[in-house]
């Protein structure tokens, strides 16, 4: 389980990452990466005074195309476990959204971990290249 401060929860947080962040497509998922979160999110957002996130955060989008509810929840649990292991690679101000593709429903945990690592390698390499 990811700690509460390491999760994206509200729709505006997801929207900011997907619209403004970099993207890396893999066979089982698409990663949306935003190296520095917007000021409203850094301050805790509206209605959350003084609750500023202190580390990288991640959110998951697993739609109906992936499978029925049992399959979607299984994919979400596997992705959450994979992201928990890789979160240390991200800067403290980073946000990550992992959107599962339909292929994720039949993928093994090893496949998901491999695609996540490769996708993070790609977005983090772009980060160093553009700096």
Protein backbone atom coordinates (compact mmCIF):
# COMPACT_ATOMS: atom_id res chain seq x y z
CA UNK A 1 0.00 0.00 0.00
CA UNK A 2 1.25 3.48 -0.80
CA UNK A 3 1.20 5.93 2.11
CA UNK A 4 -1.56 8.54 1.90
CA UNK A 5 0.87 11.39 1.20
CA UNK A 6 2.26 9.45 -1.79
CA UNK A 7 -1.08 9.18 -3.64
CA UNK A 8 -2.85 11.44 -6.09
CA UNK A 9 -6.49 11.61 -5.09
CA UNK A 10 -8.39 14.47 -6.68
CA UNK A 11 -9.32 14.88 -10.31
CA UNK A 12 -7.48 18.23 -10.75
CA UNK A 13 -4.25 16.57 -9.63
CA UNK A 14 -4.63 13.82 -12.24
CA UNK A 15 -5.62 16.33 -14.91
CA UNK A 16 -2.57 18.53 -14.26
CA UNK A 17 -0.20 15.60 -14.64
CA UNK A 18 -1.84 14.19 -17.77
CA UNK A 19 -2.10 17.56 -19.52
CA UNK A 20 1.24 19.10 -18.53
CA UNK A 21 3.48 16.10 -17.97
CA UNK A 22 5.64 13.99 -20.23
CA UNK A 23 4.35 10.68 -21.51
CA UNK A 24 5.94 7.29 -22.06
CA UNK A 25 3.94 4.50 -23.66
CA UNK A 26 4.63 0.86 -22.93
CA UNK A 27 2.74 -2.28 -24.02
CA UNK A 28 0.76 -2.57 -20.76
CA UNK A 29 0.63 1.05 -19.57
CA UNK A 30 1.15 4.72 -20.29
CA UNK A 31 3.11 6.78 -17.78
CA UNK A 32 2.41 10.49 -17.37
CA UNK A 33 5.20 12.23 -15.46
CA UNK A 34 5.30 15.76 -14.09
CA UNK A 35 8.67 16.59 -12.47
CA UNK A 36 7.39 19.61 -10.50
CA UNK A 37 3.81 19.78 -9.26
CA UNK A 38 1.75 22.95 -9.72
CA UNK A 39 1.74 25.50 -6.86
CA UNK A 40 -1.90 24.77 -5.87
CA UNK A 41 -1.10 21.08 -5.42
CA UNK A 42 2.12 21.86 -3.57
CA UNK A 43 0.20 23.95 -1.07
CA UNK A 44 -2.25 21.13 -0.44
CA UNK A 45 -4.84 22.38 -2.91
CA UNK A 46 -8.15 23.99 -2.09
CA UNK A 47 -9.71 22.81 1.13
CA UNK A 48 -6.56 21.18 2.50
CA UNK A 49 -4.70 23.85 4.48
CA UNK A 50 -1.14 23.11 5.46
CA UNK A 51 -1.13 19.57 4.05
CA UNK A 52 1.75 20.01 1.61
CA UNK A 53 2.98 16.76 0.03
CA UNK A 54 6.56 16.00 1.03
CA UNK A 55 7.58 13.43 -1.57
CA UNK A 56 6.74 12.01 -4.98
CA UNK A 57 3.13 11.01 -5.56
CA UNK A 58 1.49 8.46 -7.84
CA UNK A 59 -2.03 7.86 -9.13
CA UNK A 60 -3.58 5.04 -11.13
CA UNK A 61 -6.17 4.95 -13.90
CA UNK A 62 -7.50 1.47 -14.68
CA UNK A 63 -10.55 1.68 -16.93
CA UNK A 64 -13.20 -0.82 -17.93
CA UNK A 65 -11.31 -1.79 -21.07
CA UNK A 66 -8.81 -3.62 -18.82
CA UNK A 67 -11.45 -6.08 -17.61
CA UNK A 68 -14.18 -6.62 -15.06
CA UNK A 69 -13.90 -5.24 -11.53
CA UNK A 70 -11.92 -8.20 -10.23
CA UNK A 71 -9.33 -7.84 -12.99
CA UNK A 72 -9.16 -4.04 -12.61
CA UNK A 73 -8.57 -4.26 -8.86
CA UNK A 74 -5.91 -6.94 -9.33
CA UNK A 75 -4.12 -4.78 -11.91
CA UNK A 76 -4.33 -1.77 -9.58
CA UNK A 77 -2.82 -3.74 -6.69
CA UNK A 78 0.01 -5.01 -8.88
CA UNK A 79 0.73 -1.54 -10.23
CA UNK A 80 0.65 -0.03 -6.74
CA UNK A 81 3.21 -2.58 -5.53
CA UNK A 82 5.45 -1.96 -8.55
CA UNK A 83 5.27 1.82 -8.15
CA UNK A 84 6.01 1.60 -4.42
CA UNK A 85 9.37 -0.02 -5.26
CA UNK A 86 10.23 2.56 -7.95
CA UNK A 87 8.99 5.73 -6.18
CA UNK A 88 12.43 6.40 -4.69
CA UNK A 89 13.76 7.11 -8.20
CA UNK A 90 11.54 10.18 -8.55
CA UNK A 91 12.34 13.66 -7.26
CA UNK A 92 10.42 14.84 -4.19
CA UNK A 93 8.29 17.25 -6.24
CA UNK A 94 7.27 14.73 -8.91
CA UNK A 95 3.82 13.37 -9.72
CA UNK A 96 3.23 10.20 -11.73
CA UNK A 97 0.01 8.87 -13.26
CA UNK A 98 0.00 5.26 -14.45
CA UNK A 99 -2.77 4.50 -16.95
CA UNK A 100 -3.26 0.81 -17.58
CA UNK A 101 -3.88 -0.41 -21.12
CA UNK A 102 -6.19 -3.35 -21.85
CA UNK A 103 -3.13 -5.62 -22.17
CA UNK A 104 -2.44 -5.08 -18.45
CA UNK A 105 -5.40 -7.31 -17.58
CA UNK A 106 -3.60 -10.42 -18.83
CA UNK A 107 -0.04 -9.34 -17.99
CA UNK A 108 1.97 -10.88 -15.17
CA UNK A 109 3.36 -8.84 -12.29
CA UNK A 110 6.83 -9.23 -13.82
CA UNK A 111 5.57 -7.76 -17.12
CA UNK A 112 4.05 -4.78 -15.30
CA UNK A 113 7.23 -4.18 -13.29
CA UNK A 114 9.38 -4.40 -16.43
CA UNK A 115 7.17 -1.95 -18.34
CA UNK A 116 7.06 0.45 -15.39
CA UNK A 117 10.85 0.42 -15.02
CA UNK A 118 11.36 0.94 -18.77
CA UNK A 119 8.81 3.77 -18.86
CA UNK A 120 10.41 5.50 -15.88
CA UNK A 121 13.83 5.13 -17.49
CA UNK A 122 12.44 6.89 -20.55
CA UNK A 123 10.75 9.83 -18.79
CA UNK A 124 13.67 10.33 -16.40
CA UNK A 125 16.15 10.24 -19.30
CA UNK A 126 14.12 12.95 -21.04
CA UNK A 127 14.31 14.94 -17.82
CA UNK A 128 18.10 14.89 -17.78
CA UNK A 129 18.33 15.49 -21.54
CA UNK A 130 16.11 18.61 -21.41
CA UNK A 131 17.87 20.08 -18.34
